[in-house]
Amino acid sequence: MRDPQITGYSPRLTPGVTPDDKITANSRNVPCDGGGGALGHPMVMLHIEHDQATCPYCSRTYVLAEGAGDDHGH
């Protein structure tokens, strides 16, 4: 059974469950394909709502850079 905090499209980092692989993001919308080319996963677009989002496929956590995230427009 999945941890109850890992839900929706942007699961939250959970110590002891998700790895410590953190990537700094300069935008609230970030693509993730797991890296590794054919060894990755289907590309998903993650939306950072507060300060971080964790990929539901590979558990990479994207952390919003300080001062970033004021995306304007669509």
Protein backbone atom coordinates (compact mmCIF):
# COMPACT_ATOMS: atom_id res chain seq x y z
CA MET A 1 0.00 0.00 0.00
CA ARG A 2 1.29 3.46 -0.87
CA ASP A 3 2.19 5.94 1.80
CA PRO A 4 -0.89 8.17 2.32
CA GLN A 5 1.20 11.34 1.80
CA ILE A 6 2.22 10.31 -1.73
CA THR A 7 -0.94 11.16 -3.61
CA GLY A 8 -2.03 12.97 -6.74
CA TYR A 9 0.30 14.17 -9.45
CA SER A 10 2.80 15.86 -7.13
CA PRO A 11 3.59 13.58 -4.22
CA ARG A 12 5.49 15.09 -1.32
CA LEU A 13 8.99 14.09 -0.21
CA THR A 14 8.68 11.53 2.56
CA PRO A 15 11.84 10.80 4.58
CA GLY A 16 12.71 7.12 4.45
CA VAL A 17 10.39 6.50 1.48
CA THR A 18 11.59 8.73 -1.35
CA PRO A 19 15.29 9.02 -2.24
CA ASP A 20 17.36 12.13 -1.50
CA ASP A 21 17.71 12.94 -5.23
CA LYS A 22 16.82 16.66 -5.30
CA ILE A 23 16.93 18.82 -8.42
CA THR A 24 16.65 22.62 -8.29
CA ALA A 25 13.92 23.98 -10.56
CA ASN A 26 13.61 27.54 -11.86
CA SER A 27 9.95 27.18 -12.84
CA ARG A 28 6.84 25.78 -11.18
CA ASN A 29 6.27 23.48 -14.18
CA VAL A 30 9.02 20.93 -14.72
CA PRO A 31 9.29 17.91 -17.05
CA CYS A 32 10.62 14.60 -15.75
CA ASP A 33 11.51 11.56 -17.84
CA GLY A 34 13.61 9.75 -15.27
CA GLY A 35 16.83 10.41 -17.19
CA GLY A 36 18.84 7.60 -18.68
CA GLY A 37 17.21 7.76 -22.12
CA ALA A 38 15.42 4.50 -22.85
CA LEU A 39 15.92 3.41 -19.24
CA GLY A 40 13.81 6.31 -17.95
CA HIS A 41 10.03 6.56 -17.85
CA PRO A 42 7.34 8.38 -19.87
CA MET A 43 7.74 12.15 -19.64
CA VAL A 44 5.42 13.75 -17.13
CA MET A 45 4.92 17.41 -16.34
CA LEU A 46 5.03 18.17 -12.64
CA HIS A 47 3.62 21.32 -11.08
CA ILE A 48 5.34 22.65 -7.96
CA GLU A 49 2.51 24.05 -5.85
CA HIS A 50 4.41 25.16 -2.77
CA ASP A 51 8.15 24.55 -2.76
CA GLN A 52 8.68 21.03 -4.11
CA ALA A 53 7.18 18.17 -6.12
CA THR A 54 8.21 14.52 -6.33
CA CYS A 55 7.92 12.46 -9.51
CA PRO A 56 5.48 9.55 -9.05
CA TYR A 57 7.59 7.36 -11.38
CA CYS A 58 11.21 7.83 -10.26
CA SER A 59 10.79 9.71 -6.96
CA ARG A 60 13.11 12.55 -7.99
CA THR A 61 12.21 15.62 -5.98
CA TYR A 62 12.20 19.00 -7.71
CA VAL A 63 12.79 21.91 -5.34
CA LEU A 64 11.82 25.42 -6.42
CA ALA A 65 14.84 27.76 -6.47
CA GLU A 66 14.71 30.77 -4.17
CA GLY A 67 13.09 33.70 -5.96
CA ALA A 68 11.75 31.47 -8.75
CA GLY A 69 8.21 30.41 -9.36
CA ASP A 70 6.53 33.67 -10.21
CA ASP A 71 5.51 32.22 -13.56
CA HIS A 72 3.30 34.65 -15.38
CA GLY A 73 1.10 33.97 -18.35
CA HIS A 74 -0.45 30.64 -19.18
